[in-house]
Protein backbone atom coordinates (compact mmCIF):
# COMPACT_ATOMS: atom_id res chain seq x y z
CA UNK A 1 3.06 52.23 -26.76
CA UNK A 2 6.50 50.18 -26.81
CA UNK A 3 6.30 51.06 -22.55
CA UNK A 4 2.39 50.24 -22.78
CA UNK A 5 3.50 46.89 -24.77
CA UNK A 6 5.63 45.74 -22.19
CA UNK A 7 2.78 46.35 -19.69
CA UNK A 8 0.21 44.20 -21.58
CA UNK A 9 2.53 41.84 -22.14
CA UNK A 10 3.48 41.66 -18.11
CA UNK A 11 0.12 41.56 -17.44
CA UNK A 12 -0.44 38.51 -20.13
CA UNK A 13 2.85 36.30 -18.95
CA UNK A 14 1.38 37.13 -14.93
CA UNK A 15 -1.33 35.59 -15.66
CA UNK A 16 -0.30 32.52 -17.41
CA UNK A 17 1.77 32.42 -14.43
CA UNK A 18 -0.99 31.96 -11.81
CA UNK A 19 -2.58 29.17 -14.44
CA UNK A 20 0.71 27.38 -14.04
CA UNK A 21 1.29 27.65 -10.55
CA UNK A 22 -1.97 25.77 -10.06
CA UNK A 23 0.02 22.79 -11.17
CA UNK A 24 2.87 23.56 -8.74
CA UNK A 25 3.71 23.05 -4.74
CA UNK A 26 6.06 22.81 -2.81
CA UNK A 27 6.13 21.02 1.00
CA UNK A 28 8.62 20.94 3.47
CA UNK A 29 10.25 17.73 4.23
CA UNK A 30 11.63 16.94 7.55
CA UNK A 31 14.87 14.46 6.86
CA UNK A 32 18.33 13.20 8.61
CA UNK A 33 21.39 14.78 8.01
CA UNK A 34 24.92 12.76 7.95
CA UNK A 35 28.00 15.46 8.62
CA UNK A 36 31.23 14.10 9.88
CA UNK A 37 29.14 10.81 11.87
CA UNK A 38 26.91 12.92 13.45
CA UNK A 39 23.37 13.09 13.03
CA UNK A 40 21.25 15.85 13.17
CA UNK A 41 17.28 17.19 11.82
CA UNK A 42 17.03 19.21 8.67
CA UNK A 43 14.46 20.81 6.30
CA UNK A 44 14.07 19.90 2.62
CA UNK A 45 12.41 21.24 0.39
CA UNK A 46 10.25 19.11 -1.88
CA UNK A 47 8.29 20.39 -4.83
CA UNK A 48 6.20 19.06 -7.47
CA UNK A 49 4.72 19.92 -11.20
CA UNK A 50 1.88 18.17 -12.44
CA UNK A 51 1.79 18.32 -16.40
CA UNK A 52 -0.69 16.02 -18.83
CA UNK A 53 1.06 13.31 -19.81
CA UNK A 54 1.08 9.66 -19.74
CA UNK A 55 1.35 8.45 -15.73
CA UNK A 56 4.93 9.35 -15.41
CA UNK A 57 6.67 9.90 -12.28
CA UNK A 58 10.03 11.49 -11.94
CA UNK A 59 12.58 12.79 -9.35
CA UNK A 60 15.26 15.46 -9.75
CA UNK A 61 17.94 15.76 -6.39
CA UNK A 62 20.29 18.29 -5.67
CA UNK A 63 22.38 17.26 -4.42
CA UNK A 64 22.55 13.61 -6.31
CA UNK A 65 24.39 11.82 -3.71
CA UNK A 66 22.84 10.11 -0.60
CA UNK A 67 18.62 9.57 -2.17
CA UNK A 68 16.61 6.48 -2.20
CA UNK A 69 13.34 8.42 -2.47
CA UNK A 70 12.34 7.84 -6.26
CA UNK A 71 10.14 4.69 -5.50
CA UNK A 72 8.59 6.61 -2.56
CA UNK A 73 7.44 9.45 -4.97
CA UNK A 74 5.94 7.07 -7.47
CA UNK A 75 4.08 5.35 -4.24
CA UNK A 76 2.56 8.83 -2.68
CA UNK A 77 1.61 9.60 -6.26
CA UNK A 78 -0.37 6.20 -6.55
CA UNK A 79 -1.76 6.52 -3.12
CA UNK A 80 -3.44 9.85 -3.53
CA UNK A 81 -4.64 9.09 -7.03
CA UNK A 82 -6.16 5.96 -5.62
CA UNK A 83 -7.40 7.65 -2.56
CA UNK A 84 -9.07 10.33 -4.57
CA UNK A 85 -10.58 8.17 -6.29
CA UNK A 86 -8.47 9.79 -9.64
CA UNK A 87 -6.74 8.25 -13.09
CA UNK A 88 -4.27 9.75 -13.27
CA UNK A 89 -2.68 7.71 -16.09
CA UNK A 90 -3.01 10.64 -18.38
CA UNK A 91 -0.38 13.03 -16.14
CA UNK A 92 3.43 13.69 -15.62
CA UNK A 93 4.30 14.39 -12.40
CA UNK A 94 8.08 15.76 -11.62
CA UNK A 95 9.08 15.82 -8.39
CA UNK A 96 12.13 17.30 -7.09
CA UNK A 97 14.01 17.74 -3.96
CA UNK A 98 16.36 20.39 -2.60
CA UNK A 99 18.51 19.90 0.48
CA UNK A 100 22.01 20.48 2.34
CA UNK A 101 24.63 17.84 2.00
CA UNK A 102 24.46 14.70 3.31
CA UNK A 103 20.85 14.49 3.57
CA UNK A 104 19.85 10.83 4.34
CA UNK A 105 17.17 9.23 2.00
CA UNK A 106 14.48 6.77 2.18
CA UNK A 107 10.78 6.19 2.17
CA UNK A 108 10.59 8.90 5.46
CA UNK A 109 9.15 11.47 2.62
CA UNK A 110 6.41 9.46 0.98
CA UNK A 111 3.83 10.93 3.79
CA UNK A 112 4.57 14.38 2.65
CA UNK A 113 4.71 13.71 -0.75
CA UNK A 114 1.30 12.20 -1.29
CA UNK A 115 0.33 15.04 0.48
CA UNK A 116 1.95 17.73 -1.71
CA UNK A 117 0.13 15.46 -4.52
CA UNK A 118 -3.24 15.42 -2.89
CA UNK A 119 -3.15 18.50 -3.17
CA UNK A 120 -2.29 19.78 -5.99
CA UNK A 121 -4.98 17.10 -7.44
CA UNK A 122 -7.87 18.36 -5.42
CA UNK A 123 -6.79 22.11 -5.47
CA UNK A 124 -6.42 22.04 -1.54
CA UNK A 125 -4.29 24.64 -0.11
CA UNK A 126 -1.71 23.61 2.59
CA UNK A 127 -0.92 25.43 6.03
CA UNK A 128 2.97 26.26 5.24
CA UNK A 129 3.68 26.03 8.85
CA UNK A 130 2.66 22.60 9.21
CA UNK A 131 5.62 19.57 8.92
CA UNK A 132 4.89 16.01 8.67
CA UNK A 133 7.75 13.16 8.73
CA UNK A 134 6.61 9.28 7.97
CA UNK A 135 6.01 6.64 5.68
CA UNK A 136 3.20 6.67 3.69
CA UNK A 137 1.83 2.91 3.01
CA UNK A 138 -1.44 0.92 1.40
CA UNK A 139 -4.48 2.41 2.37
CA UNK A 140 -2.91 5.71 3.11
CA UNK A 141 -1.88 4.88 6.15
CA UNK A 142 0.96 7.02 8.08
CA UNK A 143 4.02 4.75 8.89
CA UNK A 144 6.50 5.18 11.47
CA UNK A 145 10.12 6.84 10.62
CA UNK A 146 13.27 6.92 12.74
CA UNK A 147 14.98 10.07 14.24
CA UNK A 148 12.44 11.89 15.27
CA UNK A 149 13.57 14.03 17.94
CA UNK A 150 16.40 15.27 15.38
CA UNK A 151 13.40 16.22 13.10
CA UNK A 152 11.52 17.85 15.89
CA UNK A 153 14.40 20.15 16.96
CA UNK A 154 14.97 20.85 13.10
CA UNK A 155 11.23 21.96 12.76
CA UNK A 156 11.35 24.23 16.18
CA UNK A 157 14.66 26.30 14.64
CA UNK A 158 12.79 27.05 11.67
CA UNK A 159 10.03 28.20 13.34
CA UNK A 160 7.34 26.06 12.28
CA UNK A 161 4.18 25.67 14.25
CA UNK A 162 3.46 21.89 13.85
CA UNK A 163 4.78 18.77 13.71
CA UNK A 164 2.73 15.88 12.37
CA UNK A 165 4.12 12.16 13.51
CA UNK A 166 2.92 8.45 13.09
CA UNK A 167 0.69 7.55 15.37
CA UNK A 168 1.92 5.09 17.89
CA UNK A 169 5.02 7.03 17.85
CA UNK A 170 5.12 9.68 20.18
CA UNK A 171 7.25 7.58 23.10
CA UNK A 172 10.50 7.34 21.50
CA UNK A 173 13.37 4.89 23.47
CA UNK A 174 16.74 7.20 24.12
CA UNK A 175 19.38 5.97 26.46
CA UNK A 176 17.02 3.20 28.32
CA UNK A 177 14.07 6.20 28.85
CA UNK A 178 11.13 7.49 27.36
CA UNK A 179 11.18 10.47 25.88
CA UNK A 180 7.40 11.64 24.86
CA UNK A 181 7.67 13.65 21.75
CA UNK A 182 4.73 15.35 22.24
CA UNK A 183 6.05 17.07 25.58
CA UNK A 184 9.45 16.78 23.92
CA UNK A 185 7.82 19.80 21.33
CA UNK A 186 6.30 21.66 23.72
CA UNK A 187 9.28 22.02 25.36
CA UNK A 188 11.09 23.23 21.80
CA UNK A 189 8.10 25.81 21.29
CA UNK A 190 6.04 23.63 18.78
CA UNK A 191 3.05 21.81 18.52
CA UNK A 192 3.88 17.55 17.85
CA UNK A 193 0.34 15.32 16.76
CA UNK A 194 0.14 12.28 16.02
CA UNK A 195 -1.50 11.39 12.41
CA UNK A 196 -2.29 7.92 11.35
CA UNK A 197 -3.96 8.60 7.98
CA UNK A 198 -3.63 10.42 4.94
CA UNK A 199 -7.32 12.32 5.31
CA UNK A 200 -6.06 12.55 8.76
CA UNK A 201 -2.89 14.38 7.66
CA UNK A 202 -4.57 16.66 5.45
CA UNK A 203 -7.43 17.43 7.99
CA UNK A 204 -3.85 18.84 10.28
CA UNK A 205 -2.62 21.04 7.10
CA UNK A 206 -5.69 22.53 5.74
CA UNK A 207 -9.12 22.63 8.44
CA UNK A 208 -11.68 22.70 5.49
CA UNK A 209 -10.85 19.01 4.63
CA UNK A 210 -13.51 16.61 4.21
CA UNK A 211 -13.54 13.26 3.06
CA UNK A 212 -15.53 11.77 1.09
CA UNK A 213 -18.18 9.88 3.11
CA UNK A 214 -17.87 6.42 2.01
CA UNK A 215 -21.05 3.82 2.17
CA UNK A 216 -21.47 0.46 3.83
CA UNK A 217 -19.13 -2.29 2.48
CA UNK A 218 -21.40 -5.43 1.47
CA UNK A 219 -20.03 -8.85 0.88
CA UNK A 220 -21.01 -9.86 -2.60
CA UNK A 221 -23.63 -12.81 -2.39
CA UNK A 222 -21.87 -15.13 -4.81
CA UNK A 223 -18.68 -15.03 -2.71
CA UNK A 224 -20.33 -15.66 0.02
CA UNK A 225 -21.89 -19.18 -0.66
CA UNK A 226 -18.91 -19.84 -2.82
CA UNK A 227 -16.79 -19.36 0.44
CA UNK A 228 -19.51 -20.87 2.69
CA UNK A 229 -19.52 -24.50 0.35
CA UNK A 230 -15.24 -24.37 1.17
CA UNK A 231 -15.93 -23.47 4.92
CA UNK A 232 -18.35 -26.45 5.09
CA UNK A 233 -16.06 -28.79 2.88
CA UNK A 234 -12.95 -28.40 5.28
CA UNK A 235 -14.77 -28.20 8.49
CA UNK A 236 -16.80 -31.55 7.41
CA UNK A 237 -13.36 -33.46 7.54
CA UNK A 238 -12.84 -32.61 11.16
CA UNK A 239 -13.56 -35.42 13.14
CA UNK A 240 -12.80 -33.83 16.45
CA UNK A 241 -11.63 -30.25 17.42
CA UNK A 242 -8.95 -29.18 19.69
CA UNK A 243 -10.33 -27.53 22.34
CA UNK A 244 -8.94 -23.76 21.40
CA UNK A 245 -10.29 -24.04 17.89
CA UNK A 246 -14.01 -25.61 18.54
CA UNK A 247 -15.69 -22.66 20.27
CA UNK A 248 -13.35 -20.52 17.53
CA UNK A 249 -14.88 -22.43 14.77
CA UNK A 250 -18.74 -22.13 16.14
CA UNK A 251 -18.36 -18.32 16.53
CA UNK A 252 -16.97 -18.49 12.91
CA UNK A 253 -19.55 -20.14 11.53
CA UNK A 254 -22.36 -17.78 13.48
CA UNK A 255 -21.44 -14.97 12.58
CA UNK A 256 -20.99 -15.86 8.80
CA UNK A 257 -16.99 -15.57 8.77
CA UNK A 258 -16.83 -18.19 6.41
CA UNK A 259 -12.67 -17.78 5.91
CA UNK A 260 -12.20 -17.43 9.35
CA UNK A 261 -14.04 -20.65 9.58
CA UNK A 262 -12.46 -22.26 7.04
CA UNK A 263 -9.05 -21.73 8.31
CA UNK A 264 -9.32 -22.85 11.52
CA UNK A 265 -10.96 -26.35 10.48
CA UNK A 266 -8.37 -26.69 7.85
CA UNK A 267 -5.19 -26.39 10.56
CA UNK A 268 -7.69 -28.51 12.59
CA UNK A 269 -7.46 -31.34 10.34
CA UNK A 270 -3.61 -31.11 9.89
CA UNK A 271 -3.10 -31.70 13.38
CA UNK A 272 -6.25 -34.83 13.28
CA UNK A 273 -4.43 -36.46 9.77
CA UNK A 274 -0.97 -35.62 11.15
CA UNK A 275 -1.57 -37.79 14.42
CA UNK A 276 -3.40 -40.16 12.07
CA UNK A 277 -0.19 -41.22 9.64
CA UNK A 278 1.54 -41.17 12.99
CA UNK A 279 -0.28 -44.44 14.10
CA UNK A 280 -0.45 -45.91 10.69
CA UNK A 281 2.22 -48.72 10.47
CA UNK A 282 3.45 -47.21 7.45
CA UNK A 283 7.04 -47.66 6.31
CA UNK A 284 9.99 -45.86 4.95
CA UNK A 285 9.84 -47.92 1.27
CA UNK A 286 6.06 -46.53 1.06
CA UNK A 287 7.35 -42.84 1.34
CA UNK A 288 8.02 -42.87 -2.65
CA UNK A 289 5.08 -44.67 -3.60
CA UNK A 290 2.84 -41.99 -1.89
CA UNK A 291 5.11 -39.35 -2.73
CA UNK A 292 4.41 -40.48 -6.01
CA UNK A 293 0.68 -39.66 -6.65
CA UNK A 294 1.24 -36.91 -4.58
CA UNK A 295 3.33 -35.49 -7.29
CA UNK A 296 0.46 -36.60 -9.46
CA UNK A 297 -2.00 -34.76 -8.52
CA UNK A 298 0.25 -31.51 -7.78
CA UNK A 299 1.24 -31.50 -11.79
CA UNK A 300 -2.42 -32.26 -12.59
CA UNK A 301 -3.75 -28.95 -10.72
CA UNK A 302 -0.64 -26.93 -11.96
CA UNK A 303 -1.55 -27.92 -14.96
CA UNK A 304 -5.12 -26.77 -14.70
CA UNK A 305 -4.22 -23.72 -13.65
CA UNK A 306 -1.70 -22.78 -16.27
CA UNK A 307 -4.30 -23.45 -18.36
CA UNK A 308 -6.79 -21.27 -16.94
CA UNK A 309 -7.79 -17.76 -18.87
CA UNK A 310 -7.06 -14.36 -16.92
CA UNK A 311 -9.89 -12.34 -17.84
CA UNK A 312 -10.80 -10.25 -14.70
CA UNK A 313 -8.94 -8.86 -10.99
CA UNK A 314 -11.24 -11.66 -9.82
CA UNK A 315 -9.52 -14.22 -12.07
CA UNK A 316 -6.44 -12.72 -11.17
CA UNK A 317 -7.01 -13.02 -7.41
CA UNK A 318 -8.05 -16.66 -8.03
CA UNK A 319 -4.81 -17.83 -9.81
CA UNK A 320 -3.10 -15.99 -6.81
CA UNK A 321 -4.54 -18.09 -4.35
CA UNK A 322 -4.49 -21.25 -5.61
CA UNK A 323 -0.99 -20.62 -7.06
CA UNK A 324 0.54 -19.86 -3.83
CA UNK A 325 -1.45 -22.86 -2.26
CA UNK A 326 -0.03 -25.35 -5.18
CA UNK A 327 3.67 -23.83 -4.56
CA UNK A 328 3.56 -24.29 -0.92
CA UNK A 329 2.71 -28.03 -1.57
CA UNK A 330 5.52 -27.53 -4.02
CA UNK A 331 7.88 -26.58 -0.97
CA UNK A 332 6.61 -29.54 1.20
CA UNK A 333 7.27 -32.15 -1.54
CA UNK A 334 10.91 -31.14 -1.29
CA UNK A 335 10.91 -31.16 2.09
CA UNK A 336 10.06 -34.71 2.74
CA UNK A 337 13.09 -36.78 4.21
CA UNK A 338 12.37 -40.73 3.63
CA UNK A 339 14.90 -41.46 6.22
CA UNK A 340 13.38 -39.32 8.74
CA UNK A 341 10.00 -41.02 8.58
CA UNK A 342 8.21 -39.16 11.26
CA UNK A 343 8.62 -35.89 10.17
CA UNK A 344 8.03 -36.80 6.58
CA UNK A 345 4.65 -38.32 7.10
CA UNK A 346 3.74 -35.06 9.18
CA UNK A 347 4.82 -33.33 6.10
CA UNK A 348 2.78 -35.50 3.79
CA UNK A 349 -0.37 -35.02 5.63
CA UNK A 350 0.25 -31.06 5.58
CA UNK A 351 1.15 -30.94 1.98
CA UNK A 352 -1.97 -33.18 1.06
CA UNK A 353 -4.47 -30.73 2.96
CA UNK A 354 -2.37 -28.06 1.10
CA UNK A 355 -3.41 -29.32 -2.22
CA UNK A 356 -6.64 -30.23 -1.32
CA UNK A 357 -7.20 -26.49 -0.58
CA UNK A 358 -6.17 -25.44 -3.45
CA UNK A 359 -8.55 -27.59 -5.41
CA UNK A 360 -10.95 -25.88 -3.45
CA UNK A 361 -10.52 -22.15 -4.21
CA UNK A 362 -10.37 -23.01 -7.89
CA UNK A 363 -14.02 -22.93 -6.99
CA UNK A 364 -13.86 -18.79 -7.18
CA UNK A 365 -13.13 -19.05 -10.86
CA UNK A 366 -17.01 -18.97 -10.66
CA UNK A 367 -16.94 -15.14 -9.95
CA UNK A 368 -16.86 -13.14 -12.63
CA UNK A 369 -16.53 -9.13 -12.27
CA UNK A 370 -16.27 -6.36 -15.47
CA UNK A 371 -12.28 -5.62 -14.97
CA UNK A 372 -10.46 -6.93 -17.92
CA UNK A 373 -6.64 -7.65 -16.45
CA UNK A 374 -3.86 -6.09 -18.89
CA UNK A 375 -1.71 -7.61 -20.37
CA UNK A 376 1.10 -10.33 -19.62
CA UNK A 377 3.57 -7.40 -19.92
CA UNK A 378 1.54 -5.01 -17.56
CA UNK A 379 1.43 -7.76 -15.42
CA UNK A 380 5.73 -7.70 -15.64
CA UNK A 381 5.82 -4.51 -14.41
CA UNK A 382 3.57 -4.63 -11.90
CA UNK A 383 5.72 -7.10 -10.14
CA UNK A 384 8.69 -4.49 -11.43
CA UNK A 385 7.18 -2.19 -9.58
CA UNK A 386 6.15 -4.10 -6.30
CA UNK A 387 9.51 -5.64 -5.91
CA UNK A 388 10.64 -2.17 -5.64
CA UNK A 389 8.84 -1.07 -3.29
CA UNK A 390 9.70 -3.90 -1.24
CA UNK A 391 13.42 -3.58 -1.64
CA UNK A 392 13.18 -0.41 -0.37
CA UNK A 393 11.55 -0.82 2.72
CA UNK A 394 13.37 -3.63 3.39
CA UNK A 395 16.17 -1.42 2.98
CA UNK A 396 14.69 0.97 5.32
CA UNK A 397 14.10 -1.76 7.91
CA UNK A 398 18.14 -3.10 7.97
CA UNK A 399 18.81 0.42 9.40
CA UNK A 400 16.68 -0.08 12.57
CA UNK A 401 16.67 -3.71 12.82
CA UNK A 402 19.52 -5.85 14.45
CA UNK A 403 18.67 -9.65 13.56
CA UNK A 404 18.85 -11.01 9.70
CA UNK A 405 16.33 -10.55 7.32
CA UNK A 406 16.89 -14.06 5.40
CA UNK A 407 13.03 -15.26 4.97
CA UNK A 408 12.06 -11.86 3.90
CA UNK A 409 15.23 -11.56 1.26
CA UNK A 410 14.14 -14.96 0.54
CA UNK A 411 10.92 -14.23 -0.30
CA UNK A 412 11.89 -11.31 -2.97
CA UNK A 413 14.33 -14.06 -4.43
CA UNK A 414 11.53 -16.19 -4.88
CA UNK A 415 9.16 -13.02 -6.83
CA UNK A 416 12.32 -12.21 -8.58
CA UNK A 417 12.71 -16.09 -9.77
CA UNK A 418 9.05 -15.88 -11.30
CA UNK A 419 9.15 -12.25 -13.08
CA UNK A 420 9.63 -13.62 -16.37
CA UNK A 421 7.81 -17.17 -16.41
CA UNK A 422 4.83 -16.31 -14.25
CA UNK A 423 4.22 -12.52 -13.23
CA UNK A 424 1.39 -13.28 -11.70
CA UNK A 425 3.07 -15.51 -9.37
CA UNK A 426 5.92 -12.79 -8.91
CA UNK A 427 3.01 -10.18 -7.85
CA UNK A 428 1.53 -12.10 -5.71
CA UNK A 429 4.90 -13.25 -4.14
CA UNK A 430 5.99 -9.55 -4.00
CA UNK A 431 3.08 -8.07 -2.54
CA UNK A 432 3.28 -10.61 0.28
CA UNK A 433 6.69 -9.68 0.94
CA UNK A 434 5.71 -5.98 1.19
CA UNK A 435 3.44 -6.38 3.21
CA UNK A 436 5.52 -7.95 5.91
CA UNK A 437 7.67 -5.92 6.20
CA UNK A 438 5.20 -3.15 6.49
CA UNK A 439 3.69 -5.22 9.28
CA UNK A 440 7.05 -4.97 10.67
CA UNK A 441 7.89 -1.56 10.32
CA UNK A 442 4.49 -0.30 11.68
CA UNK A 443 5.43 -1.73 15.04
CA UNK A 444 8.54 -1.10 15.14
CA UNK A 445 9.10 1.29 18.32
CA UNK A 446 6.02 1.41 19.33
CA UNK A 447 4.71 0.10 22.77
CA UNK A 448 2.88 -2.61 22.67
CA UNK A 449 -0.19 -1.25 24.53
CA UNK A 450 -0.21 1.30 21.11
CA UNK A 451 -0.66 -2.41 19.16
CA UNK A 452 -4.29 -2.52 19.11
CA UNK A 453 -4.54 1.11 18.12
CA UNK A 454 -2.34 0.65 15.35
CA UNK A 455 -4.03 -2.32 14.19
CA UNK A 456 -8.08 -0.81 14.51
CA UNK A 457 -6.66 2.35 12.10
CA UNK A 458 -5.21 -0.78 9.35
CA UNK A 459 -8.75 -2.93 9.43
CA UNK A 460 -10.66 0.82 9.10
CA UNK A 461 -8.62 1.48 6.22
CA UNK A 462 -8.91 -1.81 4.91
CA UNK A 463 -12.79 -1.48 5.23
CA UNK A 464 -12.70 1.95 3.37
CA UNK A 465 -10.54 0.38 0.92
CA UNK A 466 -13.21 -2.74 -0.07
CA UNK A 467 -15.34 -0.45 -0.19
CA UNK A 468 -13.47 1.79 -3.02
CA UNK A 469 -12.41 -1.43 -5.06
CA UNK A 470 -16.11 -2.63 -5.04
CA UNK A 471 -17.14 0.48 -6.28
CA UNK A 472 -15.45 -0.44 -9.34
CA UNK A 473 -17.30 -3.71 -9.41
CA UNK A 474 -15.01 -5.74 -8.39
CA UNK A 475 -14.38 -7.91 -4.97
CA UNK A 476 -11.52 -7.67 -3.36
CA UNK A 477 -11.72 -11.61 -2.71
CA UNK A 478 -8.26 -11.85 -1.03
CA UNK A 479 -8.15 -8.51 0.77
CA UNK A 480 -11.63 -8.94 2.12
CA UNK A 481 -10.81 -13.03 3.15
CA UNK A 482 -7.34 -11.51 4.96
CA UNK A 483 -9.38 -8.63 6.52
CA UNK A 484 -12.29 -10.74 8.13
CA UNK A 485 -9.39 -13.22 9.36
CA UNK A 486 -7.75 -10.54 10.92
CA UNK A 487 -10.46 -9.49 12.87
CA UNK A 488 -10.96 -13.43 13.92
CA UNK A 489 -7.46 -13.07 15.29
CA UNK A 490 -7.19 -9.49 16.72
CA UNK A 491 -8.46 -10.57 20.67
CA UNK A 492 -6.07 -12.95 20.99
CA UNK A 493 -2.83 -12.77 18.31
CA UNK A 494 -2.44 -9.12 17.55
CA UNK A 495 0.71 -9.69 15.77
CA UNK A 496 -1.16 -12.21 13.25
CA UNK A 497 -3.84 -9.92 12.76
CA UNK A 498 -1.33 -6.84 12.17
CA UNK A 499 0.14 -8.80 9.02
CA UNK A 500 -2.91 -10.31 8.01
CA UNK A 501 -4.39 -6.64 8.26
CA UNK A 502 -1.21 -5.78 5.69
CA UNK A 503 -2.26 -8.23 4.02
CA UNK A 504 -5.57 -7.22 2.77
CA UNK A 505 -3.98 -3.15 2.87
CA UNK A 506 -1.86 -4.58 0.24
CA UNK A 507 -4.24 -7.28 -2.35
CA UNK A 508 -6.98 -4.36 -1.80
CA UNK A 509 -5.57 -2.09 -4.43
CA UNK A 510 -4.32 -4.78 -6.69
CA UNK A 511 -5.79 -2.77 -9.41
CA UNK A 512 -3.80 -0.24 -9.04
CA UNK A 513 -1.36 -1.06 -11.93
CA UNK A 514 -4.19 -1.54 -14.06
CA UNK A 515 -7.02 0.82 -15.52
CA UNK A 516 -9.56 1.81 -13.02
CA UNK A 517 -13.21 2.74 -13.59
CA UNK A 518 -15.20 4.91 -15.38
CA UNK A 519 -15.70 7.07 -12.37
CA UNK A 520 -12.38 7.43 -11.63
CA UNK A 521 -12.11 8.79 -15.11
CA UNK A 522 -14.87 11.18 -14.87
CA UNK A 523 -12.85 12.55 -11.64
CA UNK A 524 -9.98 12.95 -13.23
CA UNK A 525 -11.30 14.54 -16.07
CA UNK A 526 -12.84 17.28 -13.82
CA UNK A 527 -9.52 17.91 -12.43
CA UNK A 528 -8.22 18.80 -16.06
CA UNK A 529 -11.45 20.32 -17.20
CA UNK A 530 -10.69 22.86 -13.99
CA UNK A 531 -7.07 23.48 -15.25
CA UNK A 532 -8.24 24.05 -18.73
CA UNK A 533 -10.84 26.57 -17.34
CA UNK A 534 -8.19 28.25 -15.60
CA UNK A 535 -6.58 28.56 -18.89
CA UNK A 536 -9.45 30.05 -20.52
CA UNK A 537 -10.11 32.22 -17.76
CA UNK A 538 -6.86 33.81 -17.60
CA UNK A 539 -6.69 34.19 -21.73
CA UNK A 540 -9.92 36.19 -21.30
CA UNK A 541 -8.70 38.70 -18.73
CA UNK A 542 -5.62 38.87 -20.97
CA UNK A 543 -7.75 39.62 -23.34
CA UNK A 544 -9.60 42.35 -21.55
CA UNK A 545 -6.63 44.08 -20.18
CA UNK A 546 -5.60 44.22 -23.58
CA UNK A 547 -8.56 45.42 -25.20
CA UNK A 548 -8.43 47.72 -22.06
CA UNK A 549 -5.01 49.67 -23.40
CA UNK A 550 -6.75 49.52 -26.71
CA UNK A 551 -9.63 51.77 -26.05
CA UNK A 552 -7.77 54.01 -23.68
CA UNK A 553 -5.24 54.69 -26.72
CA UNK A 554 -8.07 55.42 -28.77
CA UNK A 555 -9.44 57.78 -26.56
CA UNK A 556 -6.19 59.21 -26.12
CA UNK A 557 -3.71 60.19 -29.25
CA UNK A 558 -1.23 61.35 -27.20
CA UNK A 559 -1.14 58.23 -25.43
CA UNK A 560 2.01 57.14 -27.30
C-alpha cells in the first residue's frame, strides 16, 4: 500500500506542478558583462512567476550587483498588460534574473521582459531558440540598445538560431567603419532580424501569434468642434502670414488638422506681435506697468485652474495642457529684464500669446467622459513611477552621448519640485521628459535615411494606441493633438516629428496608472478563469487517478 500511496502522491504533485507551471516561464537575456575593464556579451536568464495579488512587481537578482532593471520590469509588466488590454491589478509579477558576475544593468532587458509577460498572460508558447535585445517603450515600441555585436556573438556561442534587434540598428559604427549586424550574424551562423514593435517580436517568437485587429480611429466630434474654434480664434489674430507658414496653415485647415493649424497660427502671430511691439514707442519705465498687468492675468487664470475639479481623464488632460501654458508664461515673465528692452518686449509678446492660448485650452473642460480619476495619492504615485522611468532612461542615455543633458536634468528636477504640491503638473512634466529622452534614444546610432522608417512605426503605434484609448470611452486629446502635429511635420522636420510622436505615445497611456475599462477587466477575468479551470482539471485528473487505484485495490486483495 505504501508504495502505491507514493505513486498516487507523485501523480497528484505532477498534476499540481503542471497547473502552476502555466503561470511560470523564463526567457534568455542578452547582456553585456564587464571583466577587468573589458566588455563582452553574455546570456542571463529571466524568470517570471505570476500569482494572484494586488498588482505588485518584484525583482530578485543574482548576483545582486550592477542591476538597475527594477523600473524596466515594472514598465514591461505595464506595457504587456496595456497592449493585451488586460487589467493586471489583481496579479503579482515576480521577476528573477540570474547571470554571470559583472553584468551591466539597464533598460535593455525591457523587450524580453515584456515578451515573457505577454506570453504568460495570454498563454503564448515561445520559441526557445529565439532571443531579443532592446528596450520597451510606450506603445510597445522596441528601442535601441548598445553592444549589439557582442550580444550577437554571445547568442551564436550558445547556439541560438535567431537574434531580434531593434528596428533601424543593423548598421553599427566601429572604428570608423560600418558593420552590418545582419551580415555579421550570418558570419556567426545566426539569423539577425530587426523588429520594431512588441507584436512584431511576438510573431518571431511564435508564428501562430496574431495581433488583434483594431477598429478605425475616429475623431471625437466635440473635440473637433472645440479645436476648430481654437484654431479659428488663433488664426483670425494673424494679419499677415509668413510665406513659409501660409501654405502649411491653409493645408492644415483644409485637412481639418485643427491642432496643426492652431500651432502654426500661434507661431505666426508671435512673430507679428513681436514686430509690432518693436515698432511702438515703449520706454524702459513702461515695462513694470506692462508686467504688472500680465502678472494679474496669470494669477487670475492660475486661480481659476486651481479651483477646477478633476473628475475625469479628459479633465486631467485639459488641466495638464492649460497648466503647461501657464507655467511657460511664468517662466517667460521671469526672463524679462527691463535693462534689455528690445529682448524684454519680444519675451513679453510671446508671454501674452502663451497665456492667451492657455485660456483657449480651458474650452476643453466642456469635453466629458466616464473615466474617473483616482485621488491625489494615486496621482502622486503615478508621477513617482514616471520620474523613475525617466531617470532610468536618462542614466542609460548618459552612457551613450558625449554632451551634457542639463535641460533634461532640469526638467526632471521641476517634476520633482511639483510632486507634493501639484502631482498633475508633476505627471505632465515627467511624461514630457521621458518622451524627450526616448526621442533621443530612438534615433541614437540610426542612420539618417532610416529615421523616416522609425517615425512611421511610431505614428502607427500612436494610431493603434489612440484606438485602444477610445475603446475606454476616453478621447486622448493631448495625444491626438501631438499625433496630428507630428504628421504635419514629418515631411520637412523629421526630428521635431519624432519628438511629437513620442509625446503622443507617452500621453496616450495616461490611464496606465489608473483603473481600466470593463472590457479589460473581463479579459483579465478570462485569464484567471483559465488558470482556475486548469486547477480544477488537474484536480479531477488527480482524483481519477486515485479512484483508479482504489478500484484496482478492491479487485486484487493481494495488491497491498
